[in-house]
Protein backbone atom coordinates (compact mmCIF):
# COMPACT_ATOMS: atom_id res chain seq x y z
CA MET A 1 -13.13 -15.82 -8.98
CA ALA A 2 -12.27 -19.75 -9.14
CA GLY A 3 -9.12 -18.82 -11.57
CA SER A 4 -7.99 -16.51 -8.53
CA ALA A 5 -8.85 -19.32 -5.42
CA TYR A 6 -6.71 -21.42 -7.49
CA LEU A 7 -3.46 -19.21 -7.62
CA LEU A 8 -3.80 -18.48 -4.50
CA ASN A 9 -4.61 -22.19 -2.97
CA GLY A 10 -2.67 -24.03 -6.22
CA ALA A 11 0.23 -21.19 -7.49
CA GLY A 12 0.29 -19.30 -4.73
CA ASP A 13 0.89 -16.65 -6.82
CA ILE A 14 -0.43 -13.41 -5.05
CA ASP A 15 0.08 -10.71 -7.44
CA THR A 16 -1.64 -12.66 -10.48
CA ALA A 17 -5.05 -13.79 -8.11
CA HIS A 18 -4.58 -9.59 -6.50
CA SER A 19 -5.14 -8.40 -10.21
CA LEU A 20 -7.56 -11.11 -11.78
CA LEU A 21 -9.92 -10.03 -8.24
CA SER A 22 -9.26 -6.34 -8.60
CA GLY A 23 -10.18 -5.85 -12.14
CA ALA A 24 -12.63 -8.23 -12.18
CA ILE A 25 -14.38 -6.46 -9.42
CA ALA A 26 -13.30 -2.78 -11.05
CA LEU A 27 -16.36 -4.00 -14.17
CA GLN A 28 -19.10 -4.07 -11.78
CA PRO A 29 -21.35 -1.13 -12.12
CA GLU A 30 -20.60 1.57 -9.15
CA PRO A 31 -22.00 2.35 -6.04
CA TYR A 32 -21.56 -1.39 -4.94
CA ASP A 33 -24.65 -3.41 -4.83
CA PRO A 34 -25.07 -5.08 -1.04
CA GLU A 35 -27.07 -7.09 -2.60
CA ASP A 36 -24.94 -8.64 -4.96
CA THR A 37 -23.33 -11.96 -3.39
CA THR A 38 -20.99 -12.48 -6.36
CA LEU A 39 -19.11 -9.17 -5.39
CA ALA A 40 -19.91 -9.83 -1.94
CA GLU A 41 -17.85 -13.38 -3.30
CA ALA A 42 -15.32 -11.89 -4.52
CA LEU A 43 -14.56 -9.54 -2.30
CA HIS A 44 -13.77 -11.99 0.87
CA THR A 45 -11.94 -14.23 -1.51
CA LEU A 46 -9.03 -10.99 -2.46
CA LEU A 47 -9.73 -10.03 1.41
CA ILE A 48 -7.93 -13.48 1.71
CA VAL A 49 -6.00 -13.12 -0.78
CA CYS A 50 -4.75 -9.82 0.47
CA PHE A 51 -3.89 -11.64 4.03
CA PHE A 52 -1.82 -13.45 2.77
CA GLY A 53 0.51 -11.65 0.34
CA GLY A 54 0.57 -9.53 3.73
CA ARG A 55 1.59 -6.99 2.01
CA PRO A 56 0.17 -2.79 2.96
CA GLY A 57 -0.37 -2.26 -1.19
CA LEU A 58 -2.29 -5.43 -1.96
CA TRP A 59 -4.71 -3.60 0.97
CA PHE A 60 -5.24 -0.37 -0.71
CA GLN A 61 -6.14 -1.55 -3.37
CA PHE A 62 -8.77 -3.36 -1.24
CA ASP A 63 -9.90 -0.75 0.96
CA ALA A 64 -10.59 1.44 -2.65
CA THR A 65 -12.40 -1.57 -3.84
CA ALA A 66 -14.45 -1.53 -0.37
CA ALA A 67 -14.44 1.66 -0.60
CA LYS A 68 -17.20 1.58 -3.18
CA TYR A 69 -19.81 0.46 -0.79
CA PRO A 70 -23.04 2.67 -0.47
CA ALA A 71 -22.43 0.36 2.63
CA VAL A 72 -20.02 -2.95 3.34
CA PRO A 73 -21.38 -5.96 4.76
CA GLU A 74 -20.64 -5.50 8.45
CA LEU A 75 -19.06 -9.20 8.26
CA LEU A 76 -16.49 -8.51 5.08
CA SER A 77 -15.43 -4.98 7.23
CA THR A 78 -15.25 -7.12 10.89
CA ALA A 79 -12.20 -9.34 8.52
CA ARG A 80 -10.82 -6.75 7.22
CA SER A 81 -9.72 -4.73 10.46
CA THR A 82 -8.87 -8.72 11.61
CA PHE A 83 -6.65 -9.84 9.48
CA ALA A 84 -4.80 -6.73 8.31
CA ASP A 85 -3.78 -5.67 11.57
CA PRO A 86 -4.85 -7.55 14.64
CA ALA A 87 -3.37 -5.93 17.24
CA ARG A 88 -5.04 -3.16 15.97
CA THR A 89 -8.28 -4.09 15.80
CA GLY A 90 -10.46 -1.44 17.11
CA PRO A 91 -13.28 -1.78 19.71
CA ALA A 92 -16.52 -1.68 17.73
CA ASP A 93 -14.32 -3.92 15.91
CA LEU A 94 -14.39 -5.93 18.61
CA ALA A 95 -17.70 -5.79 19.37
CA ARG A 96 -19.27 -6.47 16.01
CA LEU A 97 -17.19 -9.61 16.17
CA ASP A 98 -18.00 -11.04 19.56
CA ALA A 99 -22.23 -10.15 18.42
CA ALA A 100 -21.43 -12.64 14.93
CA ILE A 101 -20.02 -15.06 17.00
CA ALA A 102 -23.05 -15.22 20.39
CA GLU A 103 -25.34 -16.37 16.80
CA LEU A 104 -22.96 -19.02 15.65
CA ALA A 105 -24.58 -21.37 17.73
CA HIS A 106 -28.43 -20.46 15.72
CA GLU A 107 -26.40 -20.37 12.76
CA SER A 108 -26.56 -22.58 9.95
CA GLU A 109 -25.20 -21.06 7.43
CA LEU A 110 -21.93 -23.08 6.19
CA LEU A 111 -19.51 -19.98 4.81
CA ARG A 112 -20.90 -17.94 7.07
CA ILE A 113 -19.62 -20.07 10.12
CA ILE A 114 -17.10 -21.01 8.66
CA ARG A 115 -15.97 -16.79 7.67
CA VAL A 116 -17.06 -15.28 10.99
CA ALA A 117 -14.50 -18.35 13.17
CA ILE A 118 -11.49 -17.19 10.74
CA THR A 119 -12.71 -13.04 11.54
CA GLY A 120 -11.55 -14.61 14.72
CA ALA A 121 -8.93 -16.95 14.75
CA TYR A 122 -6.21 -14.02 15.00
CA VAL A 123 -7.72 -12.11 18.08
CA ASP A 124 -8.78 -14.69 19.88
CA ARG A 125 -11.95 -14.87 19.30
CA LEU A 126 -11.34 -18.81 18.26
CA GLY A 127 -12.63 -20.28 21.84
CA GLY A 128 -16.75 -19.07 20.80
CA CYS A 129 -16.79 -20.21 17.42
CA ALA A 130 -16.41 -23.79 18.87
CA GLU A 131 -20.29 -24.89 19.23
CA GLY A 132 -20.80 -23.29 15.49
CA LEU A 133 -17.34 -25.18 14.43
CA HIS A 134 -18.16 -28.96 15.53
CA GLY A 135 -22.04 -28.25 13.40
CA VAL A 136 -19.57 -28.23 10.54
CA VAL A 137 -18.02 -30.96 11.10
CA ALA A 138 -20.98 -32.59 12.12
CA GLY A 139 -22.12 -31.89 8.69
CA GLY A 140 -18.99 -33.46 6.98
CA ARG A 141 -18.67 -36.44 8.83
CA ARG A 142 -22.28 -37.27 7.17
CA GLY A 143 -20.50 -36.48 3.98
CA GLU A 144 -22.42 -33.24 3.83
CA ASN A 145 -20.09 -30.34 2.75
CA ILE A 146 -16.51 -31.60 3.02
CA ALA A 147 -14.38 -28.37 2.10
CA ALA A 148 -16.33 -26.31 5.09
CA ALA A 149 -15.59 -30.09 7.82
CA ILE A 150 -11.84 -29.78 6.61
CA ASP A 151 -11.68 -25.99 7.49
CA ALA A 152 -14.34 -26.40 10.47
CA LEU A 153 -11.52 -29.27 12.08
CA PHE A 154 -7.85 -26.81 10.81
CA LEU A 155 -9.64 -23.91 12.85
CA LEU A 156 -10.40 -26.06 16.12
CA GLY A 157 -7.44 -27.64 15.68
CA SER A 158 -5.94 -24.42 15.57
CA PHE A 159 -8.30 -23.44 18.88
CA TRP A 160 -6.96 -26.37 20.73
CA ALA A 161 -3.20 -26.20 19.73
CA THR A 162 -2.91 -22.75 21.49
CA THR A 163 -5.46 -23.68 24.59
CA PRO A 164 -3.43 -24.18 27.72
CA GLY A 165 -3.54 -27.42 29.70
C-alpha cells in the first residue's frame, strides 16, 4: 500500500499504483475476510486511486475485487457510490452516508471521520461532518495526528469555500 500511495501522491502514476494494489489484493485468499483490516485499507486506497484516475476501466477492476467480499464494508460501499458517480448516488447510499455522518460527533477514530467526510464531500454533505473534522483539527493543534488534521483542514476549507454567505 505504501508504494501505491507514493506513486499516487508523489509521482501521480495512477496506472502503476492501480496495478500494484490490484495485484497485491488478488493474492489474498477468497472469499475475502471482512475482518482483515489490511485488506480493507488496501481497498480504500484502491478506491482513491480509481477516483483520481477518473477512468471507468479502473472502477471495473475495483468492483470485481470488491465482489469477492461476502459483504463489502459499508463505508467502502458507500464511498464507492459517491466517488465513482456522485450525481447518480442512490437514495439508499445517501441514507447510509447520512447515518454515518450523524455518528461523527461521537466518533473517536480519526480515519473513520476523515473517510466519512471524504465520502460526503462530493454529494454536498460536508456541513454535517464539520464537528467531527474540528475535533481532528484540535488534535492536530496539540501535535497529534498531523496528517489527519491536514486532511480535516482541507475538507473544512472545501466546505467553507462552497458555502454561500
